[in-house]
Structure formats: C-alpha cells, structure tokens
Amino acid sequence: MSTSSPAPHPVDRYTLFAAGAVILALTATAFWLSYAHLAEVAGEHGLGNSPARKWAWPATLDAFVVAGELLMLRAGLRHKPDGWAIALTATGSLGSIALNVAGVTGTRDPADVPNLDYVVAAVPPTAALLAFGVLMRQIHQHLAPPNREADSGRLQAVGPVVTEHPREGDRPRPHPVPTRSAAWASPDAKPPVRPRKVGRPPSGDLDEFVRIVEQMAGKQNRDTIRSTLRAAGHTISNERLTELQKLLGGTASKESSGTVKSR
C-alpha cells in the first residue's frame, strides 16, 4: 500500500526560500569578512608589496573549508563517512579562526588590545563555518532520496485505513471449508484396525523344528512339542506350531508308506 506525501503548504515553501536566502547572505558576508581580515594580516606580515598575493593568501585556508564541506555533502549523499572531508573542514576552520584572532594585535602591544577585538575577529570565521554547514545540510536534504524503508515500516505499523464500507461485490468470498470423506461421513464408521500379532517371534525355521521333534520319544502333541522346542532354546507361535504338526503328519505318512512298500 503506497500513499502520496501531502503537498507542501505555501507558507512552508516561502519560509524555506527565505531561510535559504538568509543562509546564503550570511555565508557570503561571513566569508568576506574573514577573508578580508586575513588579507590585511597577510599585507602586514610580508605580502604588502604584492596585492595579488595578499588577497590570494587567505584562500589557502578558506578553500579547505569549502572543499571539506562539499566532500562531506557527497559523503552524506552516499551514506558513507569521509574522514578526509572532516579533516579538511576542521583544518581550514580552526586555522582561519586562529589566524583571524592572532592578527588582531598586528604591530601593537598585546596588553593594549581589548579583549573584545579578539571576539570581533573570531566571529566571522565561526559564522562562516556554521552558515556554510547549514547550507550544505539544506542541500543534502533536498538531494537525498526519500527513505522508502522507513515509510513502508510506518505504513505497516499504522495499518490500512478504511474510508468507506465495502460494497457487496467487493467483499471477499469465504474460503471453502474442507469436508470429510465418505468413509468418515457417518458417526458409526470407525477407522480400520490392523490385526495385532500375538505371541513372541519364532527363534528358528520349520525344518530345524522338524528335526528336533523327530528325535523326541513318546507321544507328539502340542504341549510335548512346545516343551521339547523350549528345552532346545526355541520359541514358537501357535500358527507355526500348527504348521509344524502338519509337516510332521506328512512326514510320518511318507515314512509309513515307505515301510509298507519295502515289506
């Protein structure tokens, strides 16, 4: 769900334009005052015979401020910190403030210089630094892309806004409820039950059981066969015992028929 941002109020737009004009004027004035004072300091200390060099010398400091602020603007747009930009801005700003303050004395005795002269000399470079920083911040806010992730998170937290009741045709259809199969339709129907095996698993095969039982003496019935196999260390289920008796009966009939033929 996406919503368009509200249009800016005309008063906000005029206020922004007025603030931008004031910031530009303040930046230009502060830089000019700081630059002119540094040019006077340069003229009093070795560059007075060359006006071009006297006016070019302050740029060696103020240009660091401009370059550093522009690099900080670029780093802000890329969302990556730039240590060089911070170092350039700090070097140019602190150097400009220090030289503006130091140039107040000139050829006078420092004891004869009022303290307010130092304050007057320090205000222009400080104001230039702050005003230029505010200007770069306004440009950054104007050029930076909107934070779509924050807007989407805010919309998800707020949730959809219902402005009117939905029409009959716009209502979502109910999802079909799964029904039971025909085998489970009647309440009397029961799930099939697997037959449970009774007894312990056998411990041998039928051929081995036949050999053991054939060696036993006496009458062969279910109890005696089971006892004989148990004495031999085997277990047998009722079904296997029935199969064993059938095999023993067939073996006995074959032996009896063989005996009759030999006679």
C-alpha atoms as a PDB file:
ATOM      1  CA  MET A   1       0.000   0.000   0.000  1.00  0.00           C
ATOM      2  CA  SER A   2       1.523   3.345  -1.070  1.00  0.00           C
ATOM      3  CA  THR A   3       0.347   6.802  -0.161  1.00  0.00           C
ATOM      4  CA  SER A   4       1.428  10.060  -1.743  1.00  0.00           C
ATOM      5  CA  SER A   5       3.068  12.602   0.541  1.00  0.00           C
ATOM      6  CA  PRO A   6       0.977  15.699   1.212  1.00  0.00           C
ATOM      7  CA  ALA A   7       1.733  18.794  -0.839  1.00  0.00           C
ATOM      8  CA  PRO A   8       3.830  21.392   0.996  1.00  0.00           C
ATOM      9  CA  HIS A   9       1.975  24.369   2.390  1.00  0.00           C
ATOM     10  CA  PRO A  10       2.687  27.678   0.607  1.00  0.00           C
ATOM     11  CA  VAL A  11       3.845  29.211   3.886  1.00  0.00           C
ATOM     12  CA  ASP A  12       6.378  26.409   4.333  1.00  0.00           C
ATOM     13  CA  ARG A  13       7.711  26.984   0.848  1.00  0.00           C
ATOM     14  CA  TYR A  14       8.105  30.729   1.392  1.00  0.00           C
ATOM     15  CA  THR A  15       9.760  30.121   4.740  1.00  0.00           C
ATOM     16  CA  LEU A  16      12.222  27.717   3.150  1.00  0.00           C
ATOM     17  CA  PHE A  17      13.095  30.200   0.408  1.00  0.00           C
ATOM     18  CA  ALA A  18      13.554  32.998   2.942  1.00  0.00           C
ATOM     19  CA  ALA A  19      15.759  30.824   5.166  1.00  0.00           C
ATOM     20  CA  GLY A  20      17.840  29.807   2.162  1.00  0.00           C
ATOM     21  CA  ALA A  21      18.352  33.437   1.155  1.00  0.00           C
ATOM     22  CA  VAL A  22      19.380  34.389   4.703  1.00  0.00           C
ATOM     23  CA  ILE A  23      21.810  31.474   4.900  1.00  0.00           C
ATOM     24  CA  LEU A  24      23.387  32.403   1.564  1.00  0.00           C
ATOM     25  CA  ALA A  25      23.748  36.035   2.593  1.00  0.00           C
ATOM     26  CA  LEU A  26      25.187  35.080   5.984  1.00  0.00           C
ATOM     27  CA  THR A  27      27.655  32.648   4.423  1.00  0.00           C
ATOM     28  CA  ALA A  28      28.856  35.162   1.841  1.00  0.00           C
ATOM     29  CA  THR A  29      29.169  38.001   4.371  1.00  0.00           C
ATOM     30  CA  ALA A  30      30.993  35.897   6.959  1.00  0.00           C
ATOM     31  CA  PHE A  31      33.421  34.525   4.390  1.00  0.00           C
ATOM     32  CA  TRP A  32      34.085  38.011   3.004  1.00  0.00           C
ATOM     33  CA  LEU A  33      34.798  39.488   6.458  1.00  0.00           C
ATOM     34  CA  SER A  34      37.071  36.597   7.400  1.00  0.00           C
ATOM     35  CA  TYR A  35      38.786  36.648   4.011  1.00  0.00           C
ATOM     36  CA  ALA A  36      39.343  40.428   4.081  1.00  0.00           C
ATOM     37  CA  HIS A  37      40.796  40.355   7.585  1.00  0.00           C
ATOM     38  CA  LEU A  38      43.179  37.570   6.651  1.00  0.00           C
ATOM     39  CA  ALA A  39      44.245  39.606   3.618  1.00  0.00           C
ATOM     40  CA  GLU A  40      45.040  42.547   5.915  1.00  0.00           C
ATOM     41  CA  VAL A  41      47.046  40.247   8.175  1.00  0.00           C
ATOM     42  CA  ALA A  42      48.973  38.956   5.150  1.00  0.00           C
ATOM     43  CA  GLY A  43      49.651  42.539   3.981  1.00  0.00           C
ATOM     44  CA  GLU A  44      51.043  43.494   7.396  1.00  0.00           C
ATOM     45  CA  HIS A  45      53.327  40.460   7.520  1.00  0.00           C
ATOM     46  CA  GLY A  46      55.344  40.291   4.324  1.00  0.00           C
ATOM     47  CA  LEU A  47      52.825  40.448   1.469  1.00  0.00           C
ATOM     48  CA  GLY A  48      52.076  44.184   1.500  1.00  0.00           C
ATOM     49  CA  ASN A  49      54.060  44.873  -1.678  1.00  0.00           C
ATOM     50  CA  SER A  50      52.009  42.373  -3.721  1.00  0.00           C
ATOM     51  CA  PRO A  51      48.242  42.956  -3.630  1.00  0.00           C
ATOM     52  CA  ALA A  52      47.567  39.814  -5.693  1.00  0.00           C
ATOM     53  CA  ARG A  53      49.478  37.612  -3.287  1.00  0.00           C
ATOM     54  CA  LYS A  54      47.911  39.378  -0.302  1.00  0.00           C
ATOM     55  CA  TRP A  55      44.374  38.581  -1.495  1.00  0.00           C
ATOM     56  CA  ALA A  56      45.236  35.084  -2.684  1.00  0.00           C
ATOM     57  CA  TRP A  57      46.824  34.008   0.583  1.00  0.00           C
ATOM     58  CA  PRO A  58      43.560  33.621   2.632  1.00  0.00           C
ATOM     59  CA  ALA A  59      42.306  31.124   0.058  1.00  0.00           C
ATOM     60  CA  THR A  60      44.896  28.656   1.327  1.00  0.00           C
ATOM     61  CA  LEU A  61      42.734  28.339   4.451  1.00  0.00           C
ATOM     62  CA  ASP A  62      39.172  29.150   3.410  1.00  0.00           C
ATOM     63  CA  ALA A  63      39.383  26.845   0.381  1.00  0.00           C
ATOM     64  CA  PHE A  64      39.908  23.943   2.779  1.00  0.00           C
ATOM     65  CA  VAL A  65      36.582  24.763   4.431  1.00  0.00           C
ATOM     66  CA  VAL A  66      34.716  24.855   1.109  1.00  0.00           C
ATOM     67  CA  ALA A  67      36.328  21.648  -0.179  1.00  0.00           C
ATOM     68  CA  GLY A  68      35.746  19.819   3.090  1.00  0.00           C
ATOM     69  CA  GLU A  69      32.082  20.834   3.285  1.00  0.00           C
ATOM     70  CA  LEU A  70      31.473  19.730  -0.312  1.00  0.00           C
ATOM     71  CA  LEU A  71      33.117  16.373   0.348  1.00  0.00           C
ATOM     72  CA  MET A  72      31.019  15.957   3.488  1.00  0.00           C
ATOM     73  CA  LEU A  73      27.911  16.646   1.391  1.00  0.00           C
ATOM     74  CA  ARG A  74      28.993  13.952  -1.073  1.00  0.00           C
ATOM     75  CA  ALA A  75      29.668  11.501   1.763  1.00  0.00           C
ATOM     76  CA  GLY A  76      26.252  12.222   3.257  1.00  0.00           C
ATOM     77  CA  LEU A  77      24.513  11.528  -0.049  1.00  0.00           C
ATOM     78  CA  ARG A  78      26.383   8.217  -0.355  1.00  0.00           C
ATOM     79  CA  HIS A  79      25.733   7.320   3.316  1.00  0.00           C
ATOM     80  CA  LYS A  80      29.452   6.738   3.886  1.00  0.00           C
ATOM     81  CA  PRO A  81      31.637   8.675   6.355  1.00  0.00           C
ATOM     82  CA  ASP A  82      34.619  10.537   4.896  1.00  0.00           C
ATOM     83  CA  GLY A  83      37.468  11.196   7.315  1.00  0.00           C
ATOM     84  CA  TRP A  84      39.349  13.357   4.828  1.00  0.00           C
ATOM     85  CA  ALA A  85      36.377  15.678   4.429  1.00  0.00           C
ATOM     86  CA  ILE A  86      36.125  16.146   8.187  1.00  0.00           C
ATOM     87  CA  ALA A  87      39.885  16.731   8.468  1.00  0.00           C
ATOM     88  CA  LEU A  88      39.879  19.335   5.676  1.00  0.00           C
ATOM     89  CA  THR A  89      36.931  21.203   7.184  1.00  0.00           C
ATOM     90  CA  ALA A  90      38.449  21.192  10.663  1.00  0.00           C
ATOM     91  CA  THR A  91      41.867  22.321   9.399  1.00  0.00           C
ATOM     92  CA  GLY A  92      40.500  25.208   7.358  1.00  0.00           C
ATOM     93  CA  SER A  93      38.036  26.361  10.025  1.00  0.00           C
ATOM     94  CA  LEU A  94      40.387  26.191  13.013  1.00  0.00           C
ATOM     95  CA  GLY A  95      43.240  27.734  11.030  1.00  0.00           C
ATOM     96  CA  SER A  96      41.052  30.600   9.833  1.00  0.00           C
ATOM     97  CA  ILE A  97      39.744  31.321  13.338  1.00  0.00           C
ATOM     98  CA  ALA A  98      43.233  31.147  14.870  1.00  0.00           C
ATOM     99  CA  LEU A  99      44.815  33.473  12.298  1.00  0.00           C
ATOM    100  CA  ASN A 100      41.935  35.942  12.469  1.00  0.00           C
ATOM    101  CA  VAL A 101      42.345  36.143  16.243  1.00  0.00           C
ATOM    102  CA  ALA A 102      46.150  36.240  16.108  1.00  0.00           C
ATOM    103  CA  GLY A 103      46.141  39.029  13.527  1.00  0.00           C
ATOM    104  CA  VAL A 104      44.299  41.413  15.848  1.00  0.00           C
ATOM    105  CA  THR A 105      47.451  42.576  17.616  1.00  0.00           C
ATOM    106  CA  GLY A 106      49.354  43.473  14.477  1.00  0.00           C
ATOM    107  CA  THR A 107      52.212  45.789  15.469  1.00  0.00           C
ATOM    108  CA  ARG A 108      50.550  46.754  18.762  1.00  0.00           C
ATOM    109  CA  ASP A 109      51.414  45.513  22.207  1.00  0.00           C
ATOM    110  CA  PRO A 110      49.086  42.573  23.124  1.00  0.00           C
ATOM    111  CA  ALA A 111      48.482  44.189  26.503  1.00  0.00           C
ATOM    112  CA  ASP A 112      46.984  47.247  24.802  1.00  0.00           C
ATOM    113  CA  VAL A 113      44.493  45.207  22.699  1.00  0.00           C
ATOM    114  CA  PRO A 114      40.973  44.993  24.191  1.00  0.00           C
ATOM    115  CA  ASN A 115      39.515  41.519  24.596  1.00  0.00           C
ATOM    116  CA  LEU A 116      36.516  42.483  22.504  1.00  0.00           C
ATOM    117  CA  ASP A 117      38.791  42.879  19.475  1.00  0.00           C
ATOM    118  CA  TYR A 118      39.568  39.182  19.652  1.00  0.00           C
ATOM    119  CA  VAL A 119      35.858  38.358  19.807  1.00  0.00           C
ATOM    120  CA  VAL A 120      35.145  40.558  16.779  1.00  0.00           C
ATOM    121  CA  ALA A 121      37.917  38.824  14.843  1.00  0.00           C
ATOM    122  CA  ALA A 122      36.680  35.328  15.775  1.00  0.00           C
ATOM    123  CA  VAL A 123      33.013  35.878  14.872  1.00  0.00           C
ATOM    124  CA  PRO A 124      33.281  35.996  11.013  1.00  0.00           C
ATOM    125  CA  PRO A 125      35.174  32.706  10.503  1.00  0.00           C
ATOM    126  CA  THR A 126      32.982  30.946  13.076  1.00  0.00           C
ATOM    127  CA  ALA A 127      29.815  32.264  11.442  1.00  0.00           C
ATOM    128  CA  ALA A 128      31.125  31.272   8.014  1.00  0.00           C
ATOM    129  CA  LEU A 129      31.717  27.709   9.221  1.00  0.00           C
ATOM    130  CA  LEU A 130      28.262  27.355  10.783  1.00  0.00           C
ATOM    131  CA  ALA A 131      26.385  29.049   7.941  1.00  0.00           C
ATOM    132  CA  PHE A 132      28.131  27.005   5.262  1.00  0.00           C
ATOM    133  CA  GLY A 133      27.402  23.822   7.231  1.00  0.00           C
ATOM    134  CA  VAL A 134      23.701  24.706   7.439  1.00  0.00           C
ATOM    135  CA  LEU A 135      23.683  25.438   3.706  1.00  0.00           C
ATOM    136  CA  MET A 136      25.196  22.033   2.923  1.00  0.00           C
ATOM    137  CA  ARG A 137      22.640  20.377   5.194  1.00  0.00           C
ATOM    138  CA  GLN A 138      19.757  22.008   3.324  1.00  0.00           C
ATOM    139  CA  ILE A 139      21.220  20.890   0.011  1.00  0.00           C
ATOM    140  CA  HIS A 140      21.636  17.360   1.376  1.00  0.00           C
ATOM    141  CA  GLN A 141      18.006  17.206   2.470  1.00  0.00           C
ATOM    142  CA  HIS A 142      16.901  18.444  -0.944  1.00  0.00           C
ATOM    143  CA  LEU A 143      19.020  15.991  -2.953  1.00  0.00           C
ATOM    144  CA  ALA A 144      18.821  12.914  -0.722  1.00  0.00           C
ATOM    145  CA  PRO A 145      16.327  10.247  -1.912  1.00  0.00           C
ATOM    146  CA  PRO A 146      13.357   9.571   0.356  1.00  0.00           C
ATOM    147  CA  ASN A 147      13.707   6.803   2.899  1.00  0.00           C
ATOM    148  CA  ARG A 148      11.268   4.283   1.426  1.00  0.00           C
ATOM    149  CA  GLU A 149      12.020   1.615   4.044  1.00  0.00           C
ATOM    150  CA  ALA A 150      11.062   3.934   6.895  1.00  0.00           C
ATOM    151  CA  ASP A 151       7.879   4.964   5.075  1.00  0.00           C
ATOM    152  CA  SER A 152       6.891   1.359   4.393  1.00  0.00           C
ATOM    153  CA  GLY A 153       7.566   0.396   8.016  1.00  0.00           C
ATOM    154  CA  ARG A 154       5.447   3.289   9.229  1.00  0.00           C
ATOM    155  CA  LEU A 155       2.596   2.295   6.926  1.00  0.00           C
ATOM    156  CA  GLN A 156       2.750  -1.320   8.086  1.00  0.00           C
ATOM    157  CA  ALA A 157       2.684  -0.239  11.724  1.00  0.00           C
ATOM    158  CA  VAL A 158      -0.313   2.014  11.187  1.00  0.00           C
ATOM    159  CA  GLY A 159      -2.186  -0.460   9.008  1.00  0.00           C
ATOM    160  CA  PRO A 160      -4.697   0.161   6.232  1.00  0.00           C
ATOM    161  CA  VAL A 161      -7.153   2.993   6.667  1.00  0.00           C
ATOM    162  CA  VAL A 162     -10.776   2.175   5.854  1.00  0.00           C
ATOM    163  CA  THR A 163     -12.508   5.199   4.375  1.00  0.00           C
ATOM    164  CA  GLU A 164     -15.852   3.653   3.466  1.00  0.00           C
ATOM    165  CA  HIS A 165     -17.804   0.465   3.864  1.00  0.00           C
ATOM    166  CA  PRO A 166     -17.071  -2.116   1.180  1.00  0.00           C
ATOM    167  CA  ARG A 167     -19.734  -2.819  -1.354  1.00  0.00           C
ATOM    168  CA  GLU A 168     -21.436  -6.159  -1.625  1.00  0.00           C
ATOM    169  CA  GLY A 169     -19.468  -7.144  -4.713  1.00  0.00           C
ATOM    170  CA  ASP A 170     -16.128  -6.099  -3.155  1.00  0.00           C
ATOM    171  CA  ARG A 171     -16.418  -8.320  -0.116  1.00  0.00           C
ATOM    172  CA  PRO A 172     -14.016 -11.255  -0.145  1.00  0.00           C
ATOM    173  CA  ARG A 173     -15.541 -14.641  -0.746  1.00  0.00           C
ATOM    174  CA  PRO A 174     -15.314 -17.107   2.129  1.00  0.00           C
ATOM    175  CA  HIS A 175     -12.788 -19.864   1.692  1.00  0.00           C
ATOM    176  CA  PRO A 176     -14.289 -23.353   1.240  1.00  0.00           C
ATOM    177  CA  VAL A 177     -14.119 -25.486   4.342  1.00  0.00           C
ATOM    178  CA  PRO A 178     -12.653 -28.928   3.662  1.00  0.00           C
ATOM    179  CA  THR A 179     -15.227 -31.693   4.228  1.00  0.00           C
ATOM    180  CA  ARG A 180     -14.615 -35.197   5.452  1.00  0.00           C
ATOM    181  CA  SER A 181     -14.561 -38.092   3.033  1.00  0.00           C
ATOM    182  CA  ALA A 182     -17.463 -40.516   2.610  1.00  0.00           C
ATOM    183  CA  ALA A 183     -15.768 -43.086   4.806  1.00  0.00           C
ATOM    184  CA  TRP A 184     -15.878 -40.658   7.711  1.00  0.00           C
ATOM    185  CA  ALA A 185     -19.305 -39.165   6.967  1.00  0.00           C
ATOM    186  CA  SER A 186     -21.350 -41.389   9.316  1.00  0.00           C
ATOM    187  CA  PRO A 187     -20.637 -41.235  13.051  1.00  0.00           C
ATOM    188  CA  ASP A 188     -20.769 -45.050  13.319  1.00  0.00           C
ATOM    189  CA  ALA A 189     -17.902 -45.537  10.906  1.00  0.00           C
ATOM    190  CA  LYS A 190     -14.618 -46.493  12.553  1.00  0.00           C
ATOM    191  CA  PRO A 191     -11.131 -46.481  11.125  1.00  0.00           C
ATOM    192  CA  PRO A 192      -9.769 -49.892  10.098  1.00  0.00           C
ATOM    193  CA  VAL A 193      -7.799 -51.595  12.820  1.00  0.00           C
ATOM    194  CA  ARG A 194      -4.718 -53.554  11.882  1.00  0.00           C
ATOM    195  CA  PRO A 195      -4.593 -57.084  13.332  1.00  0.00           C
ATOM    196  CA  ARG A 196      -2.185 -57.332  16.209  1.00  0.00           C
ATOM    197  CA  LYS A 197       0.275 -60.141  16.200  1.00  0.00           C
ATOM    198  CA  VAL A 198       0.088 -62.304  19.320  1.00  0.00           C
ATOM    199  CA  GLY A 199       2.999 -64.273  20.710  1.00  0.00           C
ATOM    200  CA  ARG A 200       6.736 -63.931  20.615  1.00  0.00           C
ATOM    201  CA  PRO A 201       8.637 -64.128  17.341  1.00  0.00           C
ATOM    202  CA  PRO A 202       9.976 -67.601  16.425  1.00  0.00           C
ATOM    203  CA  SER A 203      13.625 -68.327  17.056  1.00  0.00           C
ATOM    204  CA  GLY A 204      14.143 -70.865  14.260  1.00  0.00           C
ATOM    205  CA  ASP A 205      12.769 -72.232  10.986  1.00  0.00           C
ATOM    206  CA  LEU A 206      10.354 -75.131  10.490  1.00  0.00           C
ATOM    207  CA  ASP A 207      12.947 -77.552   9.113  1.00  0.00           C
ATOM    208  CA  GLU A 208      15.015 -77.228  12.256  1.00  0.00           C
ATOM    209  CA  PHE A 209      11.901 -77.736  14.385  1.00  0.00           C
ATOM    210  CA  VAL A 210      11.043 -80.907  12.420  1.00  0.00           C
ATOM    211  CA  ARG A 211      14.486 -82.391  13.077  1.00  0.00           C
ATOM    212  CA  ILE A 212      14.217 -81.656  16.796  1.00  0.00           C
ATOM    213  CA  VAL A 213      10.713 -83.099  17.148  1.00  0.00           C
ATOM    214  CA  GLU A 214      11.564 -86.268  15.162  1.00  0.00           C
ATOM    215  CA  GLN A 215      14.250 -87.089  17.714  1.00  0.00           C
ATOM    216  CA  MET A 216      11.869 -86.863  20.671  1.00  0.00           C
ATOM    217  CA  ALA A 217      10.390 -90.028  22.200  1.00  0.00           C
ATOM    218  CA  GLY A 218       6.817 -90.523  23.234  1.00  0.00           C
ATOM    219  CA  LYS A 219       3.574 -89.078  22.001  1.00  0.00           C
ATOM    220  CA  GLN A 220       3.749 -85.948  19.906  1.00  0.00           C
ATOM    221  CA  ASN A 221       1.101 -83.372  20.756  1.00  0.00           C
ATOM    222  CA  ARG A 222       1.125 -79.581  21.022  1.00  0.00           C
ATOM    223  CA  ASP A 223       2.252 -79.487  24.622  1.00  0.00           C
ATOM    224  CA  THR A 224       5.061 -82.004  24.234  1.00  0.00           C
ATOM    225  CA  ILE A 225       6.285 -80.385  21.007  1.00  0.00           C
ATOM    226  CA  ARG A 226       6.306 -76.919  22.590  1.00  0.00           C
ATOM    227  CA  SER A 227       8.102 -78.272  25.681  1.00  0.00           C
ATOM    228  CA  THR A 228      10.716 -80.015  23.538  1.00  0.00           C
ATOM    229  CA  LEU A 229      11.387 -76.889  21.473  1.00  0.00           C
ATOM    230  CA  ARG A 230      11.542 -74.742  24.611  1.00  0.00           C
ATOM    231  CA  ALA A 231      14.076 -77.153  26.133  1.00  0.00           C
ATOM    232  CA  ALA A 232      16.141 -76.744  22.964  1.00  0.00           C
ATOM    233  CA  GLY A 233      16.076 -72.945  23.414  1.00  0.00           C
ATOM    234  CA  HIS A 234      13.443 -72.084  20.808  1.00  0.00           C
ATOM    235  CA  THR A 235      10.066 -70.351  20.873  1.00  0.00           C
ATOM    236  CA  ILE A 236       7.173 -70.977  18.506  1.00  0.00           C
ATOM    237  CA  SER A 237       3.809 -69.339  17.963  1.00  0.00           C
ATOM    238  CA  ASN A 238       0.501 -71.137  17.719  1.00  0.00           C
ATOM    239  CA  GLU A 239       0.338 -70.660  13.944  1.00  0.00           C
ATOM    240  CA  ARG A 240       3.829 -72.042  13.428  1.00  0.00           C
ATOM    241  CA  LEU A 241       3.043 -74.908  15.778  1.00  0.00           C
ATOM    242  CA  THR A 242       0.019 -75.834  13.641  1.00  0.00           C
ATOM    243  CA  GLU A 243       2.164 -75.746  10.501  1.00  0.00           C
ATOM    244  CA  LEU A 244       4.780 -77.864  12.237  1.00  0.00           C
ATOM    245  CA  GLN A 245       2.185 -80.509  13.165  1.00  0.00           C
ATOM    246  CA  LYS A 246       1.024 -80.627   9.550  1.00  0.00           C
ATOM    247  CA  LEU A 247       4.584 -81.133   8.371  1.00  0.00           C
ATOM    248  CA  LEU A 248       5.156 -83.827  10.971  1.00  0.00           C
ATOM    249  CA  GLY A 249       1.947 -85.613   9.918  1.00  0.00           C
ATOM    250  CA  GLY A 250       3.021 -85.580   6.285  1.00  0.00           C
ATOM    251  CA  THR A 251       6.461 -86.843   7.182  1.00  0.00           C
ATOM    252  CA  ALA A 252       5.002 -89.665   9.266  1.00  0.00           C
ATOM    253  CA  SER A 253       2.652 -90.750   6.447  1.00  0.00           C
ATOM    254  CA  LYS A 254       5.545 -90.792   3.970  1.00  0.00           C
ATOM    255  CA  GLU A 255       7.629 -92.934   6.302  1.00  0.00           C
ATOM    256  CA  SER A 256       4.743 -95.382   6.897  1.00  0.00           C
ATOM    257  CA  SER A 257       4.049 -95.729   3.171  1.00  0.00           C
ATOM    258  CA  GLY A 258       7.719 -96.356   2.517  1.00  0.00           C
ATOM    259  CA  THR A 259       7.754 -99.081   5.150  1.00  0.00           C
ATOM    260  CA  VAL A 260       4.714-100.856   3.614  1.00  0.00           C
ATOM    261  CA  LYS A 261       6.278-100.839   0.162  1.00  0.00           C
ATOM    262  CA  SER A 262       9.503-102.333   1.468  1.00  0.00           C
ATOM    263  CA  ARG A 263       7.564-105.152   3.026  1.00  0.00           C
END
